[in-house]
Amino acid sequence: MAAHEGRKLYRGAKYEVNITPAGTSFPWIHVYRRRYRDGPLEEIGTLDYRRPFAHEQIARALGEMILSDCQITRDFRRNLPA
């Protein structure tokens, strides 16, 4: 999956987090990082949001990025799985 595909949960200067589009065989949250400003995005991890306690994993994984990076997108809360 290319970094630009999927719904963006978070996009900052160094990190981008996307959710795989609904209906695909792998419903994952993909975490990408840039080594330098305007550099290419590299995937550094995935989270399966169907697993128990996934919301806690997502919060921990995103927490550091959000605190050290740019503003979270307005869609963040709306796009998290129920």
N, C-alpha and C. Protein backbone atom coordinates (compact mmCIF):
# COMPACT_ATOMS: atom_id res chain seq x y z
N MET A 1 0.84 -1.18 0.00
CA MET A 1 0.00 0.00 0.00
C MET A 1 0.89 1.24 0.00
N ALA A 2 0.64 2.13 -0.92
CA ALA A 2 1.41 3.36 -0.97
C ALA A 2 0.98 4.28 0.15
N ALA A 3 1.90 5.13 0.59
CA ALA A 3 1.64 6.01 1.73
C ALA A 3 0.45 6.93 1.48
N HIS A 4 0.18 7.27 0.24
CA HIS A 4 -0.90 8.21 -0.03
C HIS A 4 -2.26 7.54 -0.09
N GLU A 5 -2.30 6.20 -0.06
CA GLU A 5 -3.56 5.49 -0.14
C GLU A 5 -4.18 5.36 1.25
N GLY A 6 -5.47 5.14 1.29
CA GLY A 6 -6.15 4.97 2.56
C GLY A 6 -6.58 6.30 3.14
N ARG A 7 -7.32 6.24 4.22
CA ARG A 7 -7.80 7.44 4.89
C ARG A 7 -6.78 7.90 5.91
N LYS A 8 -6.42 9.16 5.86
CA LYS A 8 -5.41 9.70 6.78
C LYS A 8 -6.02 9.94 8.15
N LEU A 9 -5.40 9.36 9.18
CA LEU A 9 -5.78 9.63 10.55
C LEU A 9 -4.97 10.78 11.10
N TYR A 10 -3.72 10.83 10.68
CA TYR A 10 -2.80 11.84 11.20
C TYR A 10 -1.77 12.15 10.14
N ARG A 11 -1.44 13.42 10.00
CA ARG A 11 -0.38 13.81 9.07
C ARG A 11 0.38 14.97 9.66
N GLY A 12 1.65 14.75 9.86
CA GLY A 12 2.50 15.79 10.41
C GLY A 12 3.75 15.94 9.57
N ALA A 13 4.73 16.67 10.09
CA ALA A 13 5.96 16.90 9.35
C ALA A 13 6.77 15.63 9.20
N LYS A 14 6.77 14.78 10.22
CA LYS A 14 7.59 13.57 10.16
C LYS A 14 6.79 12.29 10.07
N TYR A 15 5.54 12.30 10.49
CA TYR A 15 4.76 11.07 10.53
C TYR A 15 3.47 11.19 9.75
N GLU A 16 2.99 10.05 9.27
CA GLU A 16 1.68 9.97 8.64
C GLU A 16 1.09 8.63 9.04
N VAL A 17 -0.18 8.63 9.37
CA VAL A 17 -0.86 7.41 9.79
C VAL A 17 -2.13 7.28 8.96
N ASN A 18 -2.26 6.14 8.28
CA ASN A 18 -3.41 5.89 7.42
C ASN A 18 -4.13 4.63 7.88
N ILE A 19 -5.42 4.59 7.58
CA ILE A 19 -6.19 3.38 7.83
C ILE A 19 -6.49 2.76 6.47
N THR A 20 -6.30 1.44 6.36
CA THR A 20 -6.56 0.74 5.11
C THR A 20 -8.04 0.91 4.77
N PRO A 21 -8.36 1.16 3.52
CA PRO A 21 -9.76 1.37 3.15
C PRO A 21 -10.64 0.18 3.53
N ALA A 22 -11.88 0.48 3.91
CA ALA A 22 -12.83 -0.58 4.25
C ALA A 22 -13.04 -1.49 3.05
N GLY A 23 -13.27 -2.76 3.34
CA GLY A 23 -13.51 -3.72 2.27
C GLY A 23 -12.25 -4.41 1.77
N THR A 24 -11.09 -4.00 2.25
CA THR A 24 -9.87 -4.68 1.85
C THR A 24 -9.64 -5.86 2.78
N SER A 25 -8.77 -6.75 2.40
CA SER A 25 -8.55 -7.96 3.18
C SER A 25 -7.70 -7.74 4.42
N PHE A 26 -7.03 -6.61 4.53
CA PHE A 26 -6.18 -6.33 5.70
C PHE A 26 -6.56 -4.99 6.32
N PRO A 27 -7.49 -5.00 7.30
CA PRO A 27 -7.89 -3.74 7.93
C PRO A 27 -6.88 -3.28 8.96
N TRP A 28 -5.85 -2.62 8.51
CA TRP A 28 -4.74 -2.21 9.37
C TRP A 28 -4.63 -0.70 9.44
N ILE A 29 -3.98 -0.25 10.48
CA ILE A 29 -3.55 1.13 10.57
C ILE A 29 -2.05 1.13 10.27
N HIS A 30 -1.64 1.89 9.28
CA HIS A 30 -0.25 1.92 8.82
C HIS A 30 0.42 3.19 9.32
N VAL A 31 1.61 3.04 9.89
CA VAL A 31 2.36 4.18 10.42
C VAL A 31 3.59 4.39 9.53
N TYR A 32 3.74 5.61 9.03
CA TYR A 32 4.86 5.97 8.16
C TYR A 32 5.67 7.08 8.82
N ARG A 33 6.95 7.15 8.46
CA ARG A 33 7.83 8.17 9.01
C ARG A 33 8.71 8.72 7.90
N ARG A 34 9.04 10.00 8.01
CA ARG A 34 10.02 10.63 7.12
C ARG A 34 11.31 10.80 7.90
N ARG A 35 12.42 10.46 7.32
CA ARG A 35 13.71 10.67 7.98
C ARG A 35 14.10 12.14 7.97
N TYR A 36 13.64 12.87 6.97
CA TYR A 36 13.94 14.30 6.88
C TYR A 36 12.76 15.00 6.21
N ARG A 37 12.64 16.29 6.44
CA ARG A 37 11.51 17.06 5.92
C ARG A 37 11.39 16.91 4.41
N ASP A 38 10.19 16.65 3.94
CA ASP A 38 9.89 16.46 2.52
C ASP A 38 10.54 15.22 1.93
N GLY A 39 11.08 14.34 2.75
CA GLY A 39 11.64 13.08 2.26
C GLY A 39 10.53 12.06 2.03
N PRO A 40 10.89 10.91 1.48
CA PRO A 40 9.89 9.88 1.22
C PRO A 40 9.39 9.26 2.53
N LEU A 41 8.14 8.82 2.53
CA LEU A 41 7.58 8.13 3.69
C LEU A 41 8.02 6.68 3.69
N GLU A 42 8.41 6.18 4.86
CA GLU A 42 8.77 4.77 5.03
C GLU A 42 7.84 4.16 6.05
N GLU A 43 7.28 2.99 5.74
CA GLU A 43 6.38 2.33 6.70
C GLU A 43 7.20 1.79 7.86
N ILE A 44 6.79 2.14 9.08
CA ILE A 44 7.54 1.67 10.26
C ILE A 44 6.71 0.75 11.14
N GLY A 45 5.44 0.56 10.82
CA GLY A 45 4.64 -0.35 11.62
C GLY A 45 3.19 -0.38 11.20
N THR A 46 2.50 -1.41 11.68
CA THR A 46 1.07 -1.55 11.43
C THR A 46 0.38 -1.99 12.70
N LEU A 47 -0.88 -1.66 12.82
CA LEU A 47 -1.70 -2.08 13.95
C LEU A 47 -2.99 -2.68 13.40
N ASP A 48 -3.38 -3.84 13.90
CA ASP A 48 -4.64 -4.45 13.51
C ASP A 48 -5.70 -3.93 14.46
N TYR A 49 -6.61 -3.08 13.99
CA TYR A 49 -7.56 -2.44 14.88
C TYR A 49 -8.73 -3.34 15.26
N ARG A 50 -8.77 -4.59 14.78
CA ARG A 50 -9.83 -5.52 15.18
C ARG A 50 -9.47 -6.27 16.45
N ARG A 51 -8.21 -6.27 16.83
CA ARG A 51 -7.76 -7.02 18.00
C ARG A 51 -8.25 -6.38 19.30
N PRO A 52 -8.40 -7.21 20.35
CA PRO A 52 -8.75 -6.63 21.66
C PRO A 52 -7.68 -5.62 22.09
N PHE A 53 -8.11 -4.57 22.74
CA PHE A 53 -7.23 -3.52 23.25
C PHE A 53 -6.54 -2.74 22.14
N ALA A 54 -7.04 -2.83 20.92
CA ALA A 54 -6.40 -2.12 19.80
C ALA A 54 -6.41 -0.61 20.03
N HIS A 55 -7.47 -0.09 20.63
CA HIS A 55 -7.53 1.36 20.83
C HIS A 55 -6.41 1.81 21.77
N GLU A 56 -6.07 0.99 22.76
CA GLU A 56 -4.96 1.34 23.65
C GLU A 56 -3.64 1.32 22.89
N GLN A 57 -3.45 0.33 22.02
CA GLN A 57 -2.24 0.26 21.20
C GLN A 57 -2.14 1.48 20.30
N ILE A 58 -3.26 1.84 19.70
CA ILE A 58 -3.27 3.00 18.79
C ILE A 58 -2.92 4.26 19.56
N ALA A 59 -3.51 4.43 20.73
CA ALA A 59 -3.24 5.62 21.52
C ALA A 59 -1.77 5.72 21.91
N ARG A 60 -1.18 4.60 22.33
CA ARG A 60 0.24 4.61 22.71
C ARG A 60 1.12 4.90 21.50
N ALA A 61 0.80 4.25 20.37
CA ALA A 61 1.62 4.42 19.17
C ALA A 61 1.57 5.84 18.64
N LEU A 62 0.40 6.47 18.74
CA LEU A 62 0.25 7.82 18.19
C LEU A 62 0.61 8.91 19.18
N GLY A 63 0.55 8.62 20.45
CA GLY A 63 0.75 9.64 21.47
C GLY A 63 2.04 10.42 21.33
N GLU A 64 3.13 9.71 21.19
CA GLU A 64 4.43 10.39 21.07
C GLU A 64 4.51 11.22 19.80
N MET A 65 3.98 10.68 18.71
CA MET A 65 4.00 11.42 17.45
C MET A 65 3.21 12.71 17.56
N ILE A 66 2.02 12.60 18.13
CA ILE A 66 1.14 13.76 18.22
C ILE A 66 1.77 14.85 19.07
N LEU A 67 2.41 14.46 20.16
CA LEU A 67 3.02 15.44 21.04
C LEU A 67 4.23 16.12 20.41
N SER A 68 4.96 15.40 19.56
CA SER A 68 6.19 15.95 19.02
C SER A 68 6.06 16.42 17.57
N ASP A 69 4.91 16.26 16.98
CA ASP A 69 4.75 16.57 15.56
C ASP A 69 3.68 17.64 15.38
N CYS A 70 3.05 17.67 14.24
CA CYS A 70 2.09 18.72 13.91
C CYS A 70 0.71 18.40 14.47
N GLN A 71 -0.24 19.27 14.17
CA GLN A 71 -1.62 19.10 14.62
C GLN A 71 -2.24 17.84 14.03
N ILE A 72 -3.10 17.22 14.80
CA ILE A 72 -3.81 16.04 14.31
C ILE A 72 -4.94 16.50 13.38
N THR A 73 -5.27 15.68 12.40
CA THR A 73 -6.32 16.08 11.47
C THR A 73 -7.68 16.06 12.17
N ARG A 74 -8.60 16.83 11.64
CA ARG A 74 -9.95 16.88 12.22
C ARG A 74 -10.65 15.53 12.14
N ASP A 75 -10.27 14.69 11.18
CA ASP A 75 -10.94 13.42 10.99
C ASP A 75 -10.50 12.34 11.96
N PHE A 76 -9.52 12.60 12.81
CA PHE A 76 -8.95 11.56 13.66
C PHE A 76 -10.03 10.81 14.45
N ARG A 77 -10.79 11.51 15.24
CA ARG A 77 -11.79 10.84 16.08
C ARG A 77 -12.88 10.18 15.25
N ARG A 78 -13.29 10.83 14.18
CA ARG A 78 -14.34 10.28 13.33
C ARG A 78 -13.89 9.00 12.62
N ASN A 79 -12.59 8.87 12.33
CA ASN A 79 -12.11 7.73 11.56
C ASN A 79 -11.69 6.53 12.40
N LEU A 80 -11.56 6.71 13.71
CA LEU A 80 -11.20 5.56 14.54
C LEU A 80 -12.34 4.55 14.54
N PRO A 81 -12.02 3.27 14.44
CA PRO A 81 -13.07 2.25 14.46
C PRO A 81 -13.82 2.26 15.79
N ALA A 82 -15.09 1.90 15.74
CA ALA A 82 -15.91 1.86 16.97
C ALA A 82 -15.54 0.66 17.82
